[in-house]
Amino acid sequence: MKMLLFDVWALMVLISCSGATEELFEVSIWPNQALVEYGQSLVVNCSTTCPEPGPSGIETFLKKTQVSKGPQWKEFLLENITKNSFLQCFFSCAGIQKDISLGITVYEPPKLVILELQPAWVAVDETFTVTCQVPSVAPLENLTLTLLQGNQELYKKNFVSLAMDSQRAEITINVRAQRENDRCNFSCHAELDLSLQGGTLFEGSSLIKVLRIFEFSQSPQIWVSSLMEVGMAEAVSCEVARVFPAKEVTFHMFLGDEELNLFPFWEEDTVWANATVRAMETGDQELSCLASLGPVEQKTRKPVHVYSFPPPILELEESYPLAGTDINVTCSGHVLTSPSPTLRLQGAPDVPAPGKPAWLLLTTREEDDGRNFSCEASLEVQGQQLIKTTVIQLHVLYKPRLEESGCPGNQTWVEGMEEMLACVPKGNPAPAMVCTWNGVIIDLEVPQKATQNHTGTYCCTATNQLGSVSKDIAVVVQGLEKGVSSTIFVIIIVALGVGVITVTLYLNYRPCKVERRKLPYRQTETNKEEESQFAFQQAEKCNSHNC
């Protein structure tokens, strides 16, 4: 009976102790809030207050490894965590099991932020697209994306409403292009705020993209003559109007396959390029201009005709004939001219047929010295009449002459005035002049004050390689007569006073007149020697031709 009572008491004590143990032991987990970067690991510690715990551990779908343990705790390593999950930590004590849960949040910072502009070059008033995307980021509900133009906010978006398991974020907006948008900087900024989950703020930014705006609605215009002469430099130009930005337009110009060297210019919305072209082959060719701006190219072509038309050939049978010599003057077309031009020789009585030369038989006279002959060639090319002219000068050799008009035989000087002997010879080669008075050679280039002693006869001789000629010149020096009445004297004085202004003006202009009058005489000794040698050579040439 006593034994039975003891067993009942022991059972009651055991039951009461078990209840007390269940109520007294606890289970805890560390950390109590888990925030893990995508693909990383987490160490979890499970512990209990039970003095002698029974079976214990964690339950999870993640890869786990127990790394350490104690009498009342166990530590586990969770590896390669890639998605949000929950785990339970459990302990049993005296046959009673308790557990605790831990939620694991996986995050991925916005390490890569991509901005795209489509297209990179946009025509004015056209629409372009700005796209920002973050290929991998979590959790999306904590992400904010902001599109920026420079420092100005264009668009902002958060992703609270998206599914939690999505790891890709993207926003897109359309914008109409204006000129002021040219060269604007666009960027995208991402913020992942995990401060409410016990984390921090993660930020990421895209590379800056530059938008280009252009306007290029008109084709280039080529400015060039439709006719070009072979071998001759010709200015050409290519122009584009209403273009933006004008200074960034590039040109390429070609004559056939040959690229030209260009010099570009621009002003406001107009740009042009100048070049010099030299065609080396005759015939029909093409001049082309390619203008480029960003992704746009415009090309214009213009036909040109290249012709050959050298000046006509004008020939004198003899360049320095003696007066009275018969010479032929011939005007002919150049062999490179095609088709043959029509020729006209000045002074020729008839116009020859196309392809035939023009000629003139001339008996030279002294008056022909210095005469110009012209040969004119005309050619029709592509409906346009072209004219080329060649000019040549005839030099006729003749003996010196002292004509009355240039060398008066009677000359009057005024006593007290600066005077020079006036005698200009004619002849080719230019004659050398020597004048003497009383056996003394007179300097014809230096004026002298006239006196009564200068009255007399002077002898002047003009000489060139063809001969010489002499002439006597009588000079009379006039002075005031004695016994002039007082009335005449007063009149003279008044006249002189009135003529002061006239004399002053005369003196101002007189040096020019003197220079002009002295020019035929002012020849240096070197020039005289050269002319003498030249005339002598011409004379010998004439003698060799029996002229």
Foldseek 3Di string as FASTA:
>chain_A
DVVVVVVVVVVVVVVVVVVVLVVPKDKDKPPQFAEAEAQAKDKMKIFMPAQQWDDWDKDWPFDKDWDDADRTMTMIMGGRDHAKTKMKTWIHHPNRMDIDMYTHHYWYFQAAKAWDKPPQEAEAQDKIKIKIKRQFTPQQQQKKKFKDFANHTDDIDGDNPDDRVDGMDMDMDMDGDHQVLAQIKIKMKMWGACVVSVDHIHIDIHDIRTHHYKHADDAKDKDFDQEAEAQDKGKIKIKGAQIPPQVQKDKWKDWANRTFDWDKDDDHRMIMIMTIDHHHDFAKIKIKMWIDDPPDIHMDIDIHGYFHFDAWDWDWQDQEEAQQDKIKIKTAGDPRHPPFWWKDKPPFPDTDDGRDMTMDIDRGHLVQAFPKIKMKTWDADPNDIDIHMDIDGHHYFDWKDWDCVQANQEEEAEAQDFDAHGTFIDGPVQWAKWKDDPRHTDDRLGTDGDDQVPFDKMKMKTDALVGIDIGIHGYGYDYDDPPDDPVVVVVVVVVVVVCPVVVVVCVVCVVVVSCVSCVSNDDDPVRVVVRRVVRNVVVVVCVVVVD
